[in-house]
Structures are given as structure tokens and as C-alpha cells.
Amino acid sequence: MIMNIVFRADANPNIGMGHIMRCLSIADAYKSVGHNVTFIIASSEVEELIKKRGFKVIVLDNDYTKMEEELKIWPQSECPNIIFIDSYYVTPLYLSNLKKKFRSRLVYIDDMLSFPYPVDVLVNYNIYSSELEYKRLYHNSKYKLPSLFLGPQYAPLRSIFKKSPSKKQKENISDVLISTGGSDEFHLALDFVRFLLKQKQLGYTYHILIGALNQDKIEIKRIATGNKKIALHENVSDMKTLIQSMDVVVSAAGSTLYEVCACGVPLITYTIADNQISGATAFEKLNLAVNVGDLREDKTAPQNDNFPTKLRPDACKMLFNALETLSYNYVQRVNMGLQMQKVIDGRGVNRIVEVLKKASL
């Protein structure tokens, strides 16, 4: 039976690209077996990106933070069999009303455990996810505990990351990838390039990944062009090949960590959001990454346009020092790479689709 699958997610300079990218990975799997897929988004920033992947897009033109208000403008024509929701701004009322409106199966992609979600399935692919925590969350709740898809075996990576070959570590590293997220709201890529340009000598080639919503791309290109030790990468179509060609990756503690793990490339991570802290801590505990900690100057300060949170003045230095230390520890890098590929096999999307199918959802 051909099903109609709907994804409700957003991407913009404030929230980054993570929600959309992991939904696109799942959407690719449904499309590959002939199902109809539609994305519903609040605003048009990534409309063309989604269309280029071959999916129908409906733009609601609403405030992505006020999801309850959007239900009256949801298109009735879609008649979805399954709705995937990936947003931190859902409420119990929103989810309940969405289910009543369409009588569809609801799948929520979670990493916050904010409240008991009135959905049919919860996906939390984070390495620290716990069935016990969800049972506590739903204890004495009026909502039934959903089917739980927990752990990194459900990490929704793109199909290219399946069956990655074992990574052979080089004793002396030469290439380092710096990933700062799709929107890089803290302008870390620009700051790091400026930091590198101040160094007397660069021992490695630094590959700077420029995200789709990075607002500093013009300035980064202006100051980095011509420097043989700084390579810029934008609109990368084959992320797996790029990661595999690196000796070390430096990345925020988001979905990129799981892609790097699938490739077995030694990893340095950091946090710039509260929901990244548990992941970074768990990755370090399991010897999957070196965690330099929170790069925010004062994460307890109000976070709004009048009082924006800034990076620590020594943020770039912290990353640089961690890289220097890891680069000299060949044994640690070898052990890290082996452990990474034991944890992530790149088949998370297939498991999500297959388990949902077996459950007749």
C-alpha cells in the first residue's frame, strides 16, 4: 500500500538545520520504496533545499514557536497515514488536536523529555536515551506510553553512511574538519578562521564546513581565500567522502556526531546549547569523542535579541588546544575510531521504517 507521509519540521538561523536534516534522511527512505512524502514548514528558508531532494513542500507562513495556532491552517488535502513531528515547540494540546484532526499515526522525534507526549511512537536516537526515563515521564500521566525507538541504532543518518569501511588512522594527522552547524548562530566558523589566520604556522589543513544558513559565508570566503591551509566546503553533496578523508573532526554535539562515528574518524566535540550537553558527556564517557565542554560565555544569561549569549573569548583556543593534544595521541585515536564504528552502523533510518511497517503503522 502506498502511504502518505508528512513531516512537520523547521530550519532557520535561530534553530539551525538539525531537525530538517534528520527528517530528510527518513523521508528519503520512504520515497525510495514509493511512498508519497510532504514536508510542512513554517517559513521558506529551506523550501528549495527540500524541493531539490524531490519532496513536496507546504509553507505555512506562521510563527514556528506558536504551533498550536497553526492547526487551523494545516492543509486538509494531505490525508497522511503517518505524521513525523520534529520540533521543540510542540505542546500536548497541539499533538492531541493534530491526531484528532487527521486520525494519523504520530511519530515524535525527541531529545528533551519535556512532558508526556500524546503520540504513538517516540524516537530518541541519542546515545544517552533511557527507557526508564520515559517510563518515569509517563507515570501517572493520562497519556499512554508510546512505542519507544531508543538509542543510536535508530540514528537517522543518510543512506550513504551505511556500511562505512573501517577507518585506518594515520600516525601523523594532516587534515581537520571544522563543523559549526547549519546556521552557526554563534559565528564560530568566522571566529575560528580569524584565529587560524593569526597563527604563525598551521601544521594541518583546516577544512571549514559552511552551513546552508551560515550568515558569515561571504566574510569567511573573503578572508580565507588564498590561504592554502584553509579549505572551505559549501553545499557538500557527499558528506561521507569528506568526513572519511579527514584525520580529525571538530563538531558541535548534534547529529553530525553520529555521522562522524559511522565513519570512524576521531572526534572533538563541544556544546553551544543545553540539549547538547548530555550527548557530549555521553560521547566522552564512551570514548567516542574528546569533549571540550560548553563554549558559551554565560549560558545562564537571558537569551534574546537584547542579551544574546556569546562565545567564550577563549573558545577557539580551547578547540585548538584539544586538537593539538589529540593529534599527538595516536593510540587514543585508534581506539576511538574502533569504538565509534561499533556503536553506529548507519542503518538507523531503515530500522525506523521497518519497525513502523511491522507495527502496521
Protein backbone atom coordinates (compact mmCIF):
# COMPACT_ATOMS: atom_id res chain seq x y z
CA MET A 1 0.00 0.00 0.00
CA ILE A 2 1.29 3.44 -0.95
CA MET A 3 1.19 5.71 2.09
CA ASN A 4 1.17 9.47 2.52
CA ILE A 5 3.94 10.50 4.91
CA VAL A 6 4.06 14.04 6.29
CA PHE A 7 6.98 15.67 8.09
CA ARG A 8 6.48 18.77 10.23
CA ALA A 9 9.84 20.40 10.99
CA ASP A 10 11.61 23.74 10.64
CA ALA A 11 15.03 25.20 9.94
CA ASN A 12 16.14 28.80 10.24
CA PRO A 13 19.12 30.81 11.56
CA ASN A 14 17.78 30.58 15.12
CA ILE A 15 17.28 26.81 15.40
CA GLY A 16 19.70 25.51 12.78
CA MET A 17 19.31 22.65 10.30
CA GLY A 18 19.27 19.56 12.50
CA HIS A 19 15.50 18.97 12.62
CA ILE A 20 15.11 19.21 8.85
CA MET A 21 18.19 17.16 8.01
CA ARG A 22 17.25 14.14 10.10
CA CYS A 23 13.69 14.26 8.74
CA LEU A 24 15.07 14.36 5.20
CA SER A 25 17.02 11.17 5.88
CA ILE A 26 13.87 9.34 6.96
CA ALA A 27 11.92 10.87 4.06
CA ASP A 28 14.49 9.54 1.57
CA ALA A 29 13.86 6.02 2.83
CA TYR A 30 10.09 6.32 2.38
CA LYS A 31 10.49 7.86 -1.06
CA SER A 32 12.84 5.06 -2.16
CA VAL A 33 10.06 2.48 -1.67
CA GLY A 34 7.39 4.51 -3.45
CA HIS A 35 5.54 6.36 -0.70
CA ASN A 36 4.34 9.96 -1.06
CA VAL A 37 6.20 12.43 1.15
CA THR A 38 5.29 16.02 2.03
CA PHE A 39 7.13 18.50 4.22
CA ILE A 40 5.20 21.17 6.11
CA ILE A 41 7.38 24.04 7.28
CA ALA A 42 6.68 27.39 8.95
CA SER A 43 8.84 29.57 6.71
CA SER A 44 10.61 29.34 3.38
CA GLU A 45 14.32 29.36 4.30
CA VAL A 46 14.84 25.71 3.32
CA GLU A 47 11.98 25.30 0.86
CA GLU A 48 14.27 24.98 -2.16
CA LEU A 49 16.62 22.59 -0.35
CA ILE A 50 13.73 20.23 0.37
CA LYS A 51 12.35 20.51 -3.17
CA LYS A 52 15.77 19.64 -4.61
CA ARG A 53 15.61 16.39 -2.64
CA GLY A 54 12.42 15.61 -4.55
CA PHE A 55 9.76 16.33 -1.94
CA LYS A 56 6.58 18.36 -1.95
CA VAL A 57 6.75 21.39 0.39
CA ILE A 58 3.95 23.36 2.00
CA VAL A 59 4.94 26.66 3.67
CA LEU A 60 2.53 27.76 6.39
CA ASP A 61 3.96 31.29 6.81
CA ASN A 62 3.42 31.21 10.54
CA ASP A 63 5.40 31.66 13.75
CA TYR A 64 7.28 28.39 14.25
CA THR A 65 7.26 28.92 18.04
CA LYS A 66 3.44 29.02 18.26
CA MET A 67 2.47 25.66 16.89
CA GLU A 68 -1.00 25.46 18.42
CA GLU A 69 -2.06 28.39 16.26
CA GLU A 70 -1.09 26.66 13.02
CA LEU A 71 -3.55 23.77 13.19
CA LYS A 72 -6.32 25.80 11.58
CA ILE A 73 -4.14 26.38 8.51
CA TRP A 74 -2.83 22.83 8.11
CA PRO A 75 -3.76 21.58 4.64
CA GLN A 76 -6.64 19.11 4.82
CA SER A 77 -5.81 17.59 1.42
CA GLU A 78 -2.78 15.60 2.58
CA CYS A 79 -4.68 12.79 4.40
CA PRO A 80 -1.46 11.46 5.99
CA ASN A 81 -1.05 7.89 7.19
CA ILE A 82 1.93 8.87 9.34
CA ILE A 83 2.98 12.29 10.61
CA PHE A 84 6.53 12.83 11.85
CA ILE A 85 6.89 15.83 14.18
CA ASP A 86 10.34 17.25 14.93
CA SER A 87 10.13 20.50 16.90
CA TYR A 88 10.85 21.69 20.42
CA TYR A 89 7.75 23.90 20.32
CA VAL A 90 5.09 21.18 20.40
CA THR A 91 2.59 21.11 23.24
CA PRO A 92 0.30 18.30 24.47
CA LEU A 93 -2.69 20.20 23.08
CA TYR A 94 -1.03 20.60 19.69
CA LEU A 95 -0.22 16.90 19.40
CA SER A 96 -3.63 15.78 20.67
CA ASN A 97 -5.50 18.06 18.31
CA LEU A 98 -3.31 17.08 15.36
CA LYS A 99 -4.10 13.44 15.99
CA LYS A 100 -7.83 14.17 16.23
CA LYS A 101 -7.75 16.31 13.09
CA PHE A 102 -6.24 13.63 10.85
CA ARG A 103 -6.54 10.39 12.86
CA SER A 104 -3.00 9.64 11.67
CA ARG A 105 -0.26 7.82 13.48
CA LEU A 106 2.01 10.39 15.15
CA VAL A 107 5.76 9.90 15.46
CA TYR A 108 7.67 12.41 17.57
CA ILE A 109 11.46 12.76 17.35
CA ASP A 110 12.57 13.71 20.84
CA ASP A 111 15.65 14.51 22.87
CA MET A 112 14.22 16.72 25.61
CA LEU A 113 11.71 14.59 27.61
CA SER A 114 9.77 17.79 28.20
CA PHE A 115 6.40 16.22 29.06
CA PRO A 116 4.34 13.09 28.29
CA TYR A 117 3.78 13.32 24.54
CA PRO A 118 0.36 12.12 23.28
CA VAL A 119 1.80 10.27 20.28
CA ASP A 120 2.01 6.71 19.01
CA VAL A 121 5.78 6.45 18.63
CA LEU A 122 8.74 8.25 20.21
CA VAL A 123 12.14 8.20 18.53
CA ASN A 124 15.11 9.26 20.64
CA TYR A 125 18.30 8.12 18.94
CA ASN A 126 20.64 9.83 21.38
CA ILE A 127 23.25 7.63 22.95
CA TYR A 128 22.03 8.58 26.44
CA SER A 129 18.32 7.85 25.84
CA SER A 130 16.70 5.66 28.51
CA GLU A 131 13.51 3.61 28.60
CA LEU A 132 13.39 4.09 32.36
CA GLU A 133 13.34 7.87 31.99
CA TYR A 134 10.36 7.67 29.64
CA LYS A 135 8.51 5.31 31.97
CA ARG A 136 9.03 7.85 34.75
CA LEU A 137 7.84 10.64 32.47
CA TYR A 138 4.59 8.84 31.68
CA HIS A 139 3.96 7.51 35.19
CA ASN A 140 0.54 8.70 36.36
CA SER A 141 0.06 10.51 33.04
CA LYS A 142 -3.27 10.46 31.23
CA TYR A 143 -1.34 9.55 28.08
CA LYS A 144 -0.27 6.01 27.25
CA LEU A 145 3.44 5.29 26.94
CA PRO A 146 4.16 5.24 23.18
CA SER A 147 6.22 2.68 21.35
CA LEU A 148 9.83 3.64 22.05
CA PHE A 149 12.62 3.58 19.45
CA LEU A 150 15.62 4.42 21.62
CA GLY A 151 19.37 4.52 21.15
CA PRO A 152 21.94 5.14 18.42
CA GLN A 153 20.75 2.13 16.41
CA TYR A 154 17.92 4.46 15.34
CA ALA A 155 20.14 7.41 14.43
CA PRO A 156 18.54 8.78 11.22
CA LEU A 157 21.64 9.06 9.07
CA ARG A 158 21.59 9.36 5.30
CA SER A 159 21.86 6.10 3.41
CA ILE A 160 25.40 6.92 2.27
CA PHE A 161 26.62 6.24 5.82
CA LYS A 162 25.63 2.58 5.76
CA LYS A 163 28.44 0.04 5.78
CA SER A 164 31.29 2.53 6.05
CA PRO A 165 34.68 0.81 5.76
CA SER A 166 36.91 0.62 8.83
CA LYS A 167 38.94 3.77 9.22
CA LYS A 168 42.71 3.34 9.23
CA GLN A 169 44.17 6.07 11.43
CA LYS A 170 47.28 7.96 10.34
CA GLU A 171 50.05 8.34 12.88
CA ASN A 172 50.56 11.94 11.82
CA ILE A 173 47.41 13.87 11.04
CA SER A 174 47.20 16.36 8.19
CA ASP A 175 43.51 17.23 7.61
CA VAL A 176 40.98 18.52 10.14
CA LEU A 177 37.30 19.24 9.54
CA ILE A 178 35.61 22.03 11.50
CA SER A 179 31.81 21.78 11.61
CA THR A 180 29.82 24.51 13.36
CA GLY A 181 26.26 23.63 12.34
CA GLY A 182 23.89 24.63 9.59
CA SER A 183 23.25 28.15 10.87
CA ASP A 184 26.24 28.76 13.18
CA GLU A 185 24.34 31.33 15.21
CA PHE A 186 27.42 31.89 17.41
CA HIS A 187 29.61 32.76 14.37
CA LEU A 188 32.18 30.17 15.45
CA ALA A 189 33.37 29.36 11.92
CA LEU A 190 34.24 33.00 11.28
CA ASP A 191 35.94 33.35 14.66
CA PHE A 192 37.93 30.16 14.13
CA VAL A 193 39.14 31.24 10.68
CA ARG A 194 40.23 34.58 12.16
CA PHE A 195 42.01 32.67 14.95
CA LEU A 196 43.82 30.47 12.43
CA LEU A 197 44.96 33.46 10.40
CA LYS A 198 46.68 34.85 13.49
CA GLN A 199 48.78 31.72 13.98
CA LYS A 200 52.38 31.92 12.79
CA GLN A 201 52.28 28.45 11.29
CA LEU A 202 49.47 25.97 10.64
CA GLY A 203 50.60 22.37 10.85
CA TYR A 204 47.43 20.94 9.32
CA THR A 205 44.98 21.82 6.58
CA TYR A 206 41.76 23.06 8.18
CA HIS A 207 38.60 22.26 6.27
CA ILE A 208 35.79 24.65 7.26
CA LEU A 209 32.28 23.35 6.66
CA ILE A 210 29.98 26.28 5.84
CA GLY A 211 26.36 25.50 6.65
CA ALA A 212 23.41 26.33 4.40
CA LEU A 213 22.18 29.10 6.74
CA ASN A 214 25.57 30.47 7.79
CA GLN A 215 25.27 34.26 7.74
CA ASP A 216 29.06 34.80 7.66
CA LYS A 217 29.86 32.89 4.48
CA ILE A 218 30.77 35.97 2.43
CA GLU A 219 33.19 37.26 5.08
CA ILE A 220 34.70 33.81 5.63
CA LYS A 221 35.37 33.46 1.91
CA ARG A 222 36.84 36.97 1.76
CA ILE A 223 39.42 36.46 4.49
CA ALA A 224 40.25 32.80 3.84
CA THR A 225 40.61 32.79 0.07
CA GLY A 226 44.22 32.23 -0.98
CA ASN A 227 45.34 30.54 2.24
CA LYS A 228 46.50 27.05 1.29
CA LYS A 229 45.98 25.76 4.82
CA ILE A 230 42.30 26.74 4.97
CA ALA A 231 39.85 24.92 2.68
CA LEU A 232 36.20 25.95 2.55
CA HIS A 233 33.39 23.47 1.86
CA GLU A 234 29.86 24.61 1.00
CA ASN A 235 26.83 22.72 -0.36
CA VAL A 236 28.60 19.39 0.12
CA SER A 237 26.75 16.65 -1.76
CA ASP A 238 28.86 13.74 -0.45
CA MET A 239 29.43 14.33 3.24
CA LYS A 240 30.59 10.77 3.85
CA THR A 241 33.54 11.09 1.46
CA LEU A 242 34.51 14.43 3.00
CA ILE A 243 34.43 13.05 6.55
CA GLN A 244 36.31 9.89 5.58
CA SER A 245 39.10 11.99 4.06
CA MET A 246 39.71 13.70 7.43
CA ASP A 247 42.03 12.67 10.26
CA VAL A 248 40.08 14.51 12.99
CA VAL A 249 36.68 16.19 13.05
CA VAL A 250 35.70 19.06 15.37
CA SER A 251 31.92 19.39 15.70
CA ALA A 252 29.17 20.66 17.96
CA ALA A 253 27.36 17.89 19.83
CA GLY A 254 24.48 17.43 17.39
CA SER A 255 23.52 14.93 14.71
CA THR A 256 26.88 15.32 12.97
CA LEU A 257 28.50 13.30 15.77
CA TYR A 258 26.65 10.19 14.64
CA GLU A 259 27.76 10.67 11.02
CA VAL A 260 31.37 11.02 12.15
CA CYS A 261 31.03 7.90 14.30
CA ALA A 262 29.77 5.90 11.33
CA CYS A 263 32.98 6.86 9.51
CA GLY A 264 35.27 6.13 12.48
CA VAL A 265 37.07 9.49 12.38
CA PRO A 266 38.45 10.69 15.75
CA LEU A 267 36.25 13.42 17.13
CA ILE A 268 36.43 16.55 19.26
CA THR A 269 33.09 17.94 20.36
CA TYR A 270 31.73 20.95 22.20
CA THR A 271 28.37 22.32 23.31
CA ILE A 272 26.60 25.57 22.50
CA ALA A 273 23.07 24.58 23.58
CA ASP A 274 21.63 22.97 26.69
CA ASN A 275 20.24 19.98 24.78
CA GLN A 276 23.77 19.11 23.55
CA ILE A 277 25.33 18.69 26.99
CA SER A 278 24.09 15.17 27.75
CA GLY A 279 25.20 13.93 24.34
CA ALA A 280 28.68 15.40 24.58
CA THR A 281 29.12 13.99 28.08
CA ALA A 282 27.98 10.52 26.99
CA PHE A 283 30.21 10.50 23.91
CA GLU A 284 33.25 11.31 26.02
CA LYS A 285 32.35 8.72 28.68
CA LEU A 286 32.15 6.01 26.00
CA ASN A 287 35.45 7.12 24.38
CA LEU A 288 33.67 8.28 21.23
CA ALA A 289 34.91 11.87 21.46
CA VAL A 290 37.00 14.37 23.36
CA ASN A 291 34.62 16.89 24.92
CA VAL A 292 35.98 20.40 25.46
CA GLY A 293 32.77 21.47 27.21
CA ASP A 294 30.43 24.43 26.86
CA LEU A 295 31.76 27.25 24.68
CA ARG A 296 29.13 29.76 25.74
CA GLU A 297 30.35 32.72 27.77
CA ASP A 298 27.41 32.67 30.20
CA LYS A 299 24.76 30.09 29.49
CA THR A 300 22.67 31.30 32.46
CA ALA A 301 22.20 34.79 31.00
CA PRO A 302 18.91 35.70 29.28
CA GLN A 303 18.94 34.55 25.66
CA ASN A 304 17.15 37.08 23.48
CA ASP A 305 17.92 39.81 20.96
CA ASN A 306 18.77 42.31 23.69
CA PHE A 307 21.05 39.93 25.61
CA PRO A 308 22.44 37.42 23.11
CA THR A 309 24.61 34.64 24.51
CA LYS A 310 28.17 34.92 23.24
CA LEU A 311 31.07 32.53 22.85
CA ARG A 312 33.76 32.43 25.49
CA PRO A 313 36.71 34.63 24.48
CA ASP A 314 38.97 31.56 24.58
CA ALA A 315 36.58 29.25 22.67
CA CYS A 316 38.78 28.91 19.59
CA LYS A 317 41.88 28.40 21.72
CA MET A 318 40.11 25.61 23.64
CA LEU A 319 39.34 23.78 20.40
CA PHE A 320 42.83 24.35 19.03
CA ASN A 321 44.50 23.01 22.19
CA ALA A 322 42.24 19.95 22.28
CA LEU A 323 43.16 19.25 18.66
CA GLU A 324 46.86 19.53 19.38
CA THR A 325 46.58 17.11 22.30
CA LEU A 326 44.56 14.52 20.36
CA SER A 327 46.79 14.76 17.30
CA TYR A 328 49.77 13.54 19.35
CA ASN A 329 47.87 10.64 20.91
CA TYR A 330 47.83 8.02 18.16
CA VAL A 331 46.71 5.19 20.46
CA GLN A 332 43.71 7.18 21.67
CA ARG A 333 42.70 7.98 18.09
CA VAL A 334 42.95 4.34 17.03
CA ASN A 335 40.87 3.14 19.98
CA MET A 336 38.33 5.91 19.48
CA GLY A 337 37.85 5.08 15.81
CA LEU A 338 37.30 1.38 16.53
CA GLN A 339 34.76 2.11 19.26
CA MET A 340 32.87 4.60 17.09
CA GLN A 341 32.12 2.14 14.32
CA LYS A 342 30.98 -0.48 16.83
CA VAL A 343 28.28 1.90 18.09
CA ILE A 344 26.99 3.34 14.79
CA ASP A 345 26.36 1.26 11.68
CA GLY A 346 24.37 3.82 9.65
CA ARG A 347 21.18 1.74 9.40
CA GLY A 348 19.03 3.78 11.79
CA VAL A 349 16.65 5.08 9.13
CA ASN A 350 15.99 1.58 7.82
CA ARG A 351 15.20 0.36 11.33
CA ILE A 352 12.70 3.19 11.90
CA VAL A 353 10.89 2.47 8.63
CA GLU A 354 11.00 -1.32 9.07
CA VAL A 355 9.74 -1.30 12.67
CA LEU A 356 6.93 1.11 11.82
CA LYS A 357 5.92 -1.18 8.94
CA LYS A 358 5.95 -4.28 11.13
CA ALA A 359 3.80 -2.48 13.69
CA SER A 360 1.26 -1.78 10.94
CA LEU A 361 1.62 1.93 11.44
